[in-house]
């Protein structure tokens, strides 16, 4: 039998989502319950049928008029418990005591085919109590950017939120100019953030911090529950996941763009793709985000920022780590001090793999850094350089402004390879498995968005098909692997809020 949502929206008793919700059972101060705000004329852009299948969701039902209405927020599915989550955060290093889901509604959770609990969230679903004067809406360009980049990251093997669907709303949203409205259906391991812990800690709500920590342990880190110090084990587990995640970003030339603590997932997933980008020409100081005017979140700064953010998590957990404050501080400090080594281990191992090295030896880190320094000095393309090395392509030297700079390094690399008895075809396969041929290059993402804004989604669809197989040779799609021409270079990316 049908019932009704909090704002009067009719629910449907035949929902395609097999919801099994847990966050809604937390205390009321963790969220605000409300349904999405309806839109004028929802239309489906794209449905990720493969992801839907993995989530146990009936994709065919979502393609119906009723299903599209659910994806837009016009119908609340039966079994959903729509809510906006409360959290706070440090934004560009500055404390903001209350943020929360200002334009997103968590519909509920499903258990995927691997037995993992996943959030189903509508991003751009209208105003909430956390909107802070905003309209609660999303526009087409940023929705497509998040869809493209998050799905590309998944195909690259990087932990990430996923895109289940994107719809247009039939409404205009005002930014600098009127833009097409859109809603993204996002899937995540959860939407708990470092900033969620900060929200309660800043209020002196130790019970809230403990309740949240217990929830996160049960959902993401069950092994911590049996540890001698469960909350210290939680902190260390999050540190390990974030260290691994940021190393993976660095190894594919990814720049998140806005690593505020409210944009850092406690589950160790990449979340909140705003002004994100992949580097073309390598340089450690690369910044694309239009709002990162001082380079706080530049490519090379990402490990340092992750470390800083994790120290905020440690501070929030402090009352749970020990009865005595000084003891708690010592436990927190010991955990935080592990981050550089954990990141360094993951990053060094990744670089060695990209260079085709199977055994970590003294001098390997210096060899890799020498290559990166020469790439930066000679404006070599990050992705093409490593892919060229994978294929033994002599033309890789021509990616360098001064090809002889590569030749000098290649001589040292060749000598290092001779120290390992590895069959060339085995090494080549291993390198190609970690050095992609295709990434969502900024100018191609922008081209897909620009075409979509005129109603042409064919460029978007073609790009998605290519990015689904980033490590495969795709001769017919070679243009997607090429860096931009001078007139195509994208210098700035935008958040879209």
Protein backbone atom coordinates (compact mmCIF):
# COMPACT_ATOMS: atom_id res chain seq x y z
CA UNK A 1 0.00 0.00 0.00
CA UNK A 2 1.31 3.46 -0.91
CA UNK A 3 2.15 6.00 1.75
CA UNK A 4 3.48 9.53 1.64
CA UNK A 5 6.82 11.24 2.05
CA UNK A 6 7.49 14.03 4.58
CA UNK A 7 6.73 16.82 2.09
CA UNK A 8 3.68 15.17 0.56
CA UNK A 9 5.36 13.44 -2.38
CA UNK A 10 3.61 10.20 -3.16
CA UNK A 11 5.77 7.14 -2.67
CA UNK A 12 5.58 4.19 -5.00
CA UNK A 13 5.09 0.72 -3.54
CA UNK A 14 6.90 -0.90 -6.48
CA UNK A 15 10.37 0.58 -6.09
CA UNK A 16 13.36 -0.88 -7.98
CA UNK A 17 15.68 -0.25 -5.02
CA UNK A 18 16.08 -3.07 -2.46
CA UNK A 19 16.68 -0.67 0.42
CA UNK A 20 18.22 -1.76 3.73
CA UNK A 21 18.82 1.49 5.61
CA UNK A 22 21.04 1.99 8.65
CA UNK A 23 22.13 5.65 8.90
CA UNK A 24 18.57 6.76 9.51
CA UNK A 25 18.57 4.72 12.73
CA UNK A 26 21.22 6.99 14.25
CA UNK A 27 20.09 9.83 16.57
CA UNK A 28 18.08 12.66 15.03
CA UNK A 29 20.91 15.18 15.40
CA UNK A 30 22.89 13.29 12.74
CA UNK A 31 20.62 14.42 9.91
CA UNK A 32 17.48 16.22 8.81
CA UNK A 33 14.72 14.06 7.37
CA UNK A 34 13.12 15.45 4.22
CA UNK A 35 12.30 14.37 0.70
CA UNK A 36 13.78 15.81 -2.51
CA UNK A 37 12.15 18.84 -4.12
CA UNK A 38 10.32 17.94 -7.36
CA UNK A 39 11.51 19.24 -10.72
CA UNK A 40 9.54 20.32 -13.78
CA UNK A 41 10.33 17.79 -16.50
CA UNK A 42 12.90 15.09 -15.70
CA UNK A 43 14.59 13.31 -18.59
CA UNK A 44 17.17 10.53 -18.42
CA UNK A 45 20.65 11.31 -19.74
CA UNK A 46 22.32 8.04 -18.89
CA UNK A 47 21.74 5.04 -16.66
CA UNK A 48 24.68 2.91 -15.54
CA UNK A 49 23.05 -0.48 -16.13
CA UNK A 50 26.14 -2.50 -15.20
CA UNK A 51 26.39 -0.75 -11.83
CA UNK A 52 22.65 -1.17 -11.27
CA UNK A 53 23.00 -4.93 -11.83
CA UNK A 54 25.84 -5.10 -9.31
CA UNK A 55 23.72 -3.23 -6.79
CA UNK A 56 20.76 -5.57 -7.27
CA UNK A 57 18.71 -2.71 -8.74
CA UNK A 58 16.22 -3.23 -11.56
CA UNK A 59 17.72 -1.04 -14.29
CA UNK A 60 14.78 -1.54 -16.66
CA UNK A 61 12.42 -0.15 -14.05
CA UNK A 62 14.60 2.93 -13.63
CA UNK A 63 14.33 3.66 -17.35
CA UNK A 64 10.55 3.97 -17.14
CA UNK A 65 8.81 7.28 -16.62
CA UNK A 66 8.26 6.38 -12.98
CA UNK A 67 11.89 5.33 -12.55
CA UNK A 68 13.18 8.58 -14.03
CA UNK A 69 10.87 10.45 -11.65
CA UNK A 70 12.60 8.65 -8.77
CA UNK A 71 16.04 9.57 -10.11
CA UNK A 72 14.98 13.22 -10.29
CA UNK A 73 13.40 13.29 -6.84
CA UNK A 74 9.80 13.62 -8.02
CA UNK A 75 8.87 10.25 -6.56
CA UNK A 76 10.31 8.84 -3.37
CA UNK A 77 10.77 5.07 -3.72
CA UNK A 78 9.10 2.75 -1.29
CA UNK A 79 11.59 1.76 1.39
CA UNK A 80 13.55 5.00 1.12
CA UNK A 81 14.26 7.12 4.20
CA UNK A 82 15.35 10.41 2.60
CA UNK A 83 17.62 12.61 4.69
CA UNK A 84 20.31 15.27 4.50
CA UNK A 85 23.41 14.46 6.55
CA UNK A 86 24.92 16.90 9.05
CA UNK A 87 28.65 17.60 8.99
CA UNK A 88 31.17 20.41 9.35
CA UNK A 89 34.66 20.88 7.95
CA UNK A 90 37.84 22.78 7.35
CA UNK A 91 37.58 24.51 3.98
CA UNK A 92 40.93 25.71 2.67
CA UNK A 93 42.17 25.41 6.23
CA UNK A 94 39.39 27.55 7.70
CA UNK A 95 36.92 26.07 10.17
CA UNK A 96 33.24 26.09 9.17
CA UNK A 97 31.13 24.73 12.06
CA UNK A 98 28.11 23.64 10.03
CA UNK A 99 28.00 22.52 6.42
CA UNK A 100 25.96 19.38 5.75
CA UNK A 101 24.18 18.18 2.62
CA UNK A 102 23.06 21.46 1.16
CA UNK A 103 21.92 19.99 -2.15
CA UNK A 104 21.99 16.24 -1.67
CA UNK A 105 19.49 13.76 -0.28
CA UNK A 106 20.46 10.28 0.87
CA UNK A 107 17.58 8.06 -0.25
CA UNK A 108 18.83 4.99 1.56
CA UNK A 109 21.20 2.05 1.32
CA UNK A 110 21.37 -1.21 -0.61
CA UNK A 111 23.55 -4.30 -0.20
CA UNK A 112 25.44 -5.03 -3.41
CA UNK A 113 26.27 -8.46 -4.85
CA UNK A 114 29.54 -8.51 -2.90
CA UNK A 115 27.65 -8.02 0.35
CA UNK A 116 28.85 -4.40 0.69
CA UNK A 117 26.48 -1.71 1.91
CA UNK A 118 26.16 1.22 -0.52
CA UNK A 119 24.49 4.63 -0.19
CA UNK A 120 22.11 5.85 -2.90
CA UNK A 121 22.14 9.65 -2.97
CA UNK A 122 20.55 12.27 -5.20
CA UNK A 123 22.89 15.22 -5.75
CA UNK A 124 21.11 18.38 -6.82
CA UNK A 125 17.86 17.35 -5.12
CA UNK A 126 16.86 20.76 -3.74
CA UNK A 127 17.19 22.86 -0.61
CA UNK A 128 17.82 21.33 2.80
CA UNK A 129 18.30 22.86 6.26
CA UNK A 130 22.03 22.90 5.42
CA UNK A 131 21.77 24.88 2.16
CA UNK A 132 22.95 28.14 3.77
CA UNK A 133 21.00 30.24 1.29
CA UNK A 134 21.86 28.12 -1.74
CA UNK A 135 19.33 26.79 -4.21
CA UNK A 136 20.12 23.14 -3.53
CA UNK A 137 20.40 22.41 -7.22
CA UNK A 138 23.10 21.09 -9.55
CA UNK A 139 23.74 22.06 -13.15
CA UNK A 140 24.41 19.89 -16.16
CA UNK A 141 28.14 20.57 -16.61
CA UNK A 142 29.33 19.57 -13.12
CA UNK A 143 26.97 16.58 -13.07
CA UNK A 144 28.46 15.27 -16.30
CA UNK A 145 31.99 15.99 -15.08
CA UNK A 146 31.39 13.96 -11.92
CA UNK A 147 29.78 11.16 -13.92
CA UNK A 148 32.68 10.99 -16.37
CA UNK A 149 35.51 11.28 -13.88
CA UNK A 150 34.08 9.04 -11.15
CA UNK A 151 33.35 6.24 -13.62
CA UNK A 152 36.79 6.69 -15.20
CA UNK A 153 38.36 6.39 -11.74
CA UNK A 154 36.44 3.18 -11.11
CA UNK A 155 37.69 1.74 -14.39
CA UNK A 156 41.24 2.79 -13.45
CA UNK A 157 40.90 0.79 -10.24
CA UNK A 158 40.86 3.73 -7.82
CA UNK A 159 38.41 3.61 -4.86
CA UNK A 160 35.65 6.06 -5.68
CA UNK A 161 32.02 6.98 -5.46
CA UNK A 162 30.12 5.88 -8.56
CA UNK A 163 27.53 7.38 -10.87
CA UNK A 164 24.33 5.37 -11.22
CA UNK A 165 22.38 7.87 -13.30
CA UNK A 166 22.12 11.45 -14.49
CA UNK A 167 18.94 13.27 -15.42
CA UNK A 168 18.08 16.73 -16.62
CA UNK A 169 15.34 18.56 -14.75
CA UNK A 170 13.69 20.72 -17.39
CA UNK A 171 14.53 23.75 -15.27
CA UNK A 172 17.14 26.47 -15.36
CA UNK A 173 19.48 27.03 -12.43
CA UNK A 174 21.07 30.42 -11.95
CA UNK A 175 24.81 30.61 -11.49
CA UNK A 176 26.54 33.47 -13.30
CA UNK A 177 24.05 32.78 -16.08
CA UNK A 178 21.03 30.47 -16.31
CA UNK A 179 22.17 26.86 -16.83
CA UNK A 180 20.40 23.55 -17.35
CA UNK A 181 19.50 21.81 -14.13
CA UNK A 182 20.47 18.19 -13.53
CA UNK A 183 20.52 15.55 -10.80
CA UNK A 184 23.21 12.93 -10.28
CA UNK A 185 22.42 9.64 -8.56
CA UNK A 186 25.60 8.87 -6.65
CA UNK A 187 26.62 5.58 -5.06
CA UNK A 188 29.13 5.48 -2.19
CA UNK A 189 30.46 3.10 0.43
CA UNK A 190 29.01 5.77 2.70
CA UNK A 191 28.89 9.55 2.81
CA UNK A 192 30.48 9.84 6.26
CA UNK A 193 33.36 12.29 6.11
CA UNK A 194 36.15 13.50 8.35
CA UNK A 195 33.97 16.58 8.69
CA UNK A 196 31.16 14.46 10.11
CA UNK A 197 33.36 13.61 13.08
CA UNK A 198 34.40 17.26 13.36
CA UNK A 199 30.74 18.32 13.49
CA UNK A 200 30.15 16.49 16.78
CA UNK A 201 33.61 17.03 18.25
CA UNK A 202 33.38 20.79 17.80
CA UNK A 203 30.13 20.80 19.78
CA UNK A 204 31.68 18.83 22.61
CA UNK A 205 29.27 16.01 21.77
CA UNK A 206 31.43 13.06 22.83
CA UNK A 207 28.45 10.69 22.71
CA UNK A 208 27.88 11.76 19.10
CA UNK A 209 31.52 11.10 18.21
CA UNK A 210 31.36 7.69 19.90
CA UNK A 211 28.09 6.76 18.20
CA UNK A 212 29.49 7.76 14.82
CA UNK A 213 32.74 5.91 15.43
CA UNK A 214 30.87 2.75 16.41
CA UNK A 215 28.76 3.07 13.25
CA UNK A 216 31.82 3.50 11.03
CA UNK A 217 33.59 0.57 12.66
CA UNK A 218 30.59 -1.69 12.15
CA UNK A 219 30.11 -0.57 8.54
CA UNK A 220 33.66 -0.12 7.25
CA UNK A 221 36.23 -1.47 9.69
CA UNK A 222 34.73 -4.42 11.59
CA UNK A 223 38.20 -5.73 12.41
CA UNK A 224 38.70 -2.68 14.65
CA UNK A 225 35.88 -3.84 16.91
CA UNK A 226 37.99 -6.69 18.27
CA UNK A 227 41.17 -4.65 18.69
CA UNK A 228 42.52 -3.86 22.15
CA UNK A 229 41.89 -0.17 21.43
CA UNK A 230 39.03 -0.09 18.89
CA UNK A 231 39.03 3.66 18.30
CA UNK A 232 42.79 3.79 17.83
CA UNK A 233 42.44 0.87 15.44
CA UNK A 234 39.77 2.83 13.56
CA UNK A 235 42.03 5.85 13.25
CA UNK A 236 44.93 3.74 11.99
CA UNK A 237 42.71 1.94 9.50
CA UNK A 238 41.41 5.21 8.05
CA UNK A 239 44.99 6.52 7.81
CA UNK A 240 46.04 3.42 5.89
CA UNK A 241 43.16 3.70 3.42
CA UNK A 242 43.65 7.40 2.80
CA UNK A 243 47.40 6.95 2.33
CA UNK A 244 46.75 4.27 -0.27
CA UNK A 245 44.05 6.36 -1.97
CA UNK A 246 46.16 9.50 -2.33
CA UNK A 247 49.09 7.44 -3.63
CA UNK A 248 46.78 6.07 -6.32
CA UNK A 249 45.73 9.60 -7.24
CA UNK A 250 49.33 10.65 -7.63
CA UNK A 251 50.21 7.62 -9.75
CA UNK A 252 47.66 8.53 -12.43
CA UNK A 253 48.19 12.30 -12.33
CA UNK A 254 44.87 13.08 -10.65
CA UNK A 255 44.23 16.34 -8.79
CA UNK A 256 41.17 16.38 -6.55
CA UNK A 257 41.09 20.16 -6.41
CA UNK A 258 39.22 20.73 -3.15
CA UNK A 259 40.52 18.45 -0.38
CA UNK A 260 38.55 20.07 2.43
CA UNK A 261 37.86 17.81 5.40
CA UNK A 262 34.19 17.68 4.44
CA UNK A 263 35.29 16.24 1.09
CA UNK A 264 37.37 13.40 2.57
CA UNK A 265 35.51 10.10 2.88
CA UNK A 266 36.00 8.08 6.03
CA UNK A 267 35.74 4.97 3.83
CA UNK A 268 38.83 5.88 1.81
CA UNK A 269 36.93 6.58 -1.42
CA UNK A 270 37.38 9.52 -3.78
CA UNK A 271 34.34 11.72 -3.21
CA UNK A 272 32.98 15.12 -4.26
CA UNK A 273 34.36 15.61 -7.74
CA UNK A 274 34.19 19.36 -8.13
CA UNK A 275 37.06 21.20 -9.85
CA UNK A 276 39.00 17.96 -10.28
CA UNK A 277 41.31 17.28 -13.22
CA UNK A 278 43.99 15.00 -14.62
CA UNK A 279 47.33 16.50 -15.54
CA UNK A 280 48.45 16.63 -19.14
CA UNK A 281 52.01 17.98 -18.96
CA UNK A 282 53.61 16.96 -15.69
CA UNK A 283 54.51 19.50 -13.07
CA UNK A 284 54.22 18.99 -9.29
CA UNK A 285 52.77 22.47 -8.72
CA UNK A 286 49.88 21.94 -11.15
CA UNK A 287 46.56 23.46 -10.06
CA UNK A 288 43.34 23.58 -12.08
CA UNK A 289 40.72 24.57 -9.54
CA UNK A 290 39.51 28.13 -10.05
CA UNK A 291 38.93 28.50 -6.30
CA UNK A 292 42.38 27.26 -5.25
CA UNK A 293 44.05 30.59 -5.81
CA UNK A 294 47.07 29.85 -3.59
CA UNK A 295 47.72 26.28 -4.70
CA UNK A 296 46.84 24.68 -1.37
CA UNK A 297 45.54 21.60 -3.17
CA UNK A 298 48.13 21.44 -5.94
CA UNK A 299 49.13 18.00 -7.23
CA UNK A 300 52.24 17.59 -5.07
CA UNK A 301 50.54 19.01 -1.96
CA UNK A 302 47.89 16.29 -1.83
CA UNK A 303 49.78 13.93 0.53
CA UNK A 304 50.52 16.80 2.92
CA UNK A 305 46.88 17.92 2.90
CA UNK A 306 45.66 14.38 3.49
CA UNK A 307 48.03 14.17 6.47
CA UNK A 308 46.69 17.48 7.82
CA UNK A 309 43.08 16.38 7.33
CA UNK A 310 43.72 13.11 9.14
CA UNK A 311 45.14 15.04 12.07
CA UNK A 312 41.73 16.75 12.30
CA UNK A 313 40.13 13.32 12.49
CA UNK A 314 42.56 12.32 15.21
CA UNK A 315 41.65 15.45 17.15
CA UNK A 316 37.95 14.65 16.88
CA UNK A 317 38.53 11.11 18.16
CA UNK A 318 40.74 12.27 21.03
CA UNK A 319 38.18 11.75 23.85
CA UNK A 320 37.71 8.14 22.74
CA UNK A 321 41.40 7.22 22.58
CA UNK A 322 42.15 7.32 26.31
CA UNK A 323 40.73 8.50 29.62
CA UNK A 324 43.69 10.79 30.23
CA UNK A 325 44.01 13.55 27.62
CA UNK A 326 47.81 13.36 27.48
CA UNK A 327 47.62 9.64 26.82
CA UNK A 328 45.04 10.20 24.12
CA UNK A 329 47.24 12.81 22.47
CA UNK A 330 50.14 10.36 22.46
CA UNK A 331 47.99 7.66 20.83
CA UNK A 332 46.69 10.10 18.24
CA UNK A 333 50.16 11.45 17.48
CA UNK A 334 51.59 7.95 17.04
CA UNK A 335 48.85 7.15 14.55
CA UNK A 336 49.23 10.39 12.59
CA UNK A 337 53.00 10.01 12.48
CA UNK A 338 52.50 6.77 10.54
CA UNK A 339 50.99 8.52 7.54
CA UNK A 340 54.15 9.66 5.71
CA UNK A 341 55.64 6.18 5.78
CA UNK A 342 52.35 4.55 4.76
CA UNK A 343 51.90 6.95 1.87
CA UNK A 344 55.56 6.67 0.87
CA UNK A 345 55.38 2.89 0.83
CA UNK A 346 52.28 2.84 -1.39
CA UNK A 347 53.58 5.58 -3.70
CA UNK A 348 57.05 4.08 -4.10
CA UNK A 349 55.63 0.64 -4.82
CA UNK A 350 53.32 2.17 -7.39
CA UNK A 351 56.10 4.07 -9.12
CA UNK A 352 58.24 0.94 -9.26
CA UNK A 353 55.37 -0.93 -10.89
CA UNK A 354 54.90 1.87 -13.43
CA UNK A 355 58.60 1.52 -14.32
CA UNK A 356 58.37 -2.25 -14.67
CA UNK A 357 60.41 -3.04 -11.56
CA UNK A 358 59.41 -6.19 -9.71
CA UNK A 359 61.86 -5.95 -6.81
CA UNK A 360 62.24 -2.84 -4.66
CA UNK A 361 65.95 -1.95 -4.49
CA UNK A 362 68.05 0.87 -3.16
CA UNK A 363 68.16 3.71 -5.64
CA UNK A 364 64.76 2.96 -7.22
CA UNK A 365 63.08 5.96 -5.59
CA UNK A 366 65.82 8.23 -6.89
CA UNK A 367 65.51 6.73 -10.36
CA UNK A 368 61.77 7.42 -10.41
CA UNK A 369 62.18 10.94 -9.05
CA UNK A 370 64.85 11.66 -11.67
CA UNK A 371 62.34 10.79 -14.38
CA UNK A 372 59.66 13.00 -12.83
CA UNK A 373 62.10 15.91 -12.53
CA UNK A 374 63.06 15.56 -16.19
CA UNK A 375 59.39 15.33 -17.18
CA UNK A 376 58.63 18.54 -15.30
CA UNK A 377 61.59 20.37 -16.81
CA UNK A 378 60.68 19.24 -20.33
CA UNK A 379 56.88 19.47 -20.17
CA UNK A 380 56.39 15.77 -20.89
CA UNK A 381 52.87 14.40 -20.86
CA UNK A 382 52.36 12.34 -17.69
CA UNK A 383 50.11 9.62 -19.11
CA UNK A 384 51.81 9.24 -22.49
CA UNK A 385 55.29 9.05 -20.95
CA UNK A 386 54.47 6.09 -18.74
CA UNK A 387 52.38 4.37 -21.39
CA UNK A 388 55.24 4.81 -23.85
CA UNK A 389 57.63 3.21 -21.38
CA UNK A 390 55.22 0.29 -21.04
CA UNK A 391 55.26 -0.34 -24.77
CA UNK A 392 59.00 0.22 -25.18
CA UNK A 393 58.13 3.01 -27.59
CA UNK A 394 61.23 4.87 -28.69
CA UNK A 395 59.02 7.84 -29.62
CA UNK A 396 58.49 8.57 -25.92
CA UNK A 397 61.68 10.62 -26.03
CA UNK A 398 59.94 13.06 -28.36
CA UNK A 399 57.51 13.95 -25.57
CA UNK A 400 60.38 15.80 -23.90
CA UNK A 401 61.31 19.34 -24.89
CA UNK A 402 64.91 18.11 -24.89
CA UNK A 403 64.84 14.43 -25.96
CA UNK A 404 68.40 13.93 -24.79
CA UNK A 405 67.19 14.55 -21.21
CA UNK A 406 65.12 11.40 -21.57
CA UNK A 407 67.97 9.50 -23.20
CA UNK A 408 70.23 10.05 -20.19
CA UNK A 409 67.56 8.74 -17.84
CA UNK A 410 66.61 5.85 -20.13
CA UNK A 411 70.19 4.60 -20.03
CA UNK A 412 70.06 4.32 -16.25
CA UNK A 413 66.62 2.73 -16.39
CA UNK A 414 67.79 0.16 -18.91
CA UNK A 415 70.67 -0.85 -16.66
CA UNK A 416 68.27 -1.22 -13.74
CA UNK A 417 65.96 -3.48 -15.76
CA UNK A 418 68.86 -5.79 -16.54
CA UNK A 419 69.23 -6.50 -12.82
CA UNK A 420 65.97 -8.47 -12.90
CA UNK A 421 65.48 -11.60 -14.99
CA UNK A 422 61.95 -10.86 -16.22
CA UNK A 423 60.67 -11.86 -19.64
CA UNK A 424 60.06 -8.72 -21.74
CA UNK A 425 56.49 -9.71 -22.56
CA UNK A 426 55.76 -10.29 -18.86
CA UNK A 427 57.18 -6.90 -17.92
CA UNK A 428 55.27 -5.19 -20.72
CA UNK A 429 51.96 -6.74 -19.63
CA UNK A 430 52.57 -5.76 -16.01
CA UNK A 431 53.40 -2.17 -16.96
CA UNK A 432 50.42 -1.80 -19.26
CA UNK A 433 48.18 -2.96 -16.41
CA UNK A 434 49.18 0.08 -14.30
CA UNK A 435 49.90 2.71 -16.97
CA UNK A 436 46.65 3.68 -18.69
CA UNK A 437 46.39 4.73 -22.30
CA UNK A 438 43.25 6.77 -21.62
CA UNK A 439 42.28 9.20 -18.88
CA UNK A 440 39.49 11.78 -18.87
CA UNK A 441 41.57 14.56 -20.34
CA UNK A 442 40.25 17.99 -19.44
CA UNK A 443 39.70 19.24 -22.98
CA UNK A 444 37.78 16.08 -23.89
CA UNK A 445 35.62 16.34 -20.78
CA UNK A 446 34.87 19.94 -21.67
CA UNK A 447 34.04 18.99 -25.26
CA UNK A 448 31.57 16.38 -24.01
CA UNK A 449 29.96 18.91 -21.67
CA UNK A 450 29.77 21.62 -24.33
CA UNK A 451 28.10 19.25 -26.80
CA UNK A 452 25.65 18.03 -24.14
CA UNK A 453 24.64 21.60 -23.36
CA UNK A 454 23.34 21.81 -26.94
CA UNK A 455 21.47 18.53 -26.54
CA UNK A 456 24.11 16.30 -28.16
CA UNK A 457 25.11 13.50 -25.79
CA UNK A 458 26.90 11.43 -28.41
CA UNK A 459 30.32 12.83 -27.42
CA UNK A 460 29.61 12.01 -23.78
CA UNK A 461 28.56 8.46 -24.69
CA UNK A 462 31.59 7.89 -26.90
CA UNK A 463 33.95 9.16 -24.23
CA UNK A 464 32.35 6.95 -21.58
CA UNK A 465 32.83 3.89 -23.80
CA UNK A 466 36.54 4.66 -24.25
CA UNK A 467 37.17 5.39 -20.56
CA UNK A 468 35.54 2.11 -19.54
CA UNK A 469 38.65 0.34 -20.92
CA UNK A 470 41.53 2.66 -19.95
CA UNK A 471 44.30 0.06 -20.13
CA UNK A 472 43.34 -1.40 -23.52
CA UNK A 473 44.63 -0.35 -26.90
CA UNK A 474 41.73 1.25 -28.77
CA UNK A 475 43.10 2.34 -32.16
CA UNK A 476 39.79 3.83 -33.24
CA UNK A 477 39.78 6.04 -30.16
CA UNK A 478 43.37 7.29 -30.39
CA UNK A 479 42.22 10.92 -30.29
CA UNK A 480 41.09 10.43 -26.68
CA UNK A 481 44.63 9.54 -25.68
CA UNK A 482 46.24 12.64 -27.08
CA UNK A 483 47.09 15.76 -25.06
CA UNK A 484 45.40 19.04 -25.97
CA UNK A 485 46.60 21.36 -28.69
CA UNK A 486 47.59 24.78 -27.43
CA UNK A 487 44.17 26.22 -28.18
CA UNK A 488 42.44 23.30 -26.41
CA UNK A 489 44.24 23.53 -23.07
CA UNK A 490 41.88 23.86 -20.09
CA UNK A 491 43.56 26.10 -17.53
CA UNK A 492 40.77 26.28 -14.93
CA UNK A 493 38.09 23.92 -13.68
CA UNK A 494 35.06 24.97 -11.67
CA UNK A 495 33.13 23.58 -8.74
CA UNK A 496 29.66 24.31 -10.05
CA UNK A 497 27.99 25.04 -6.70
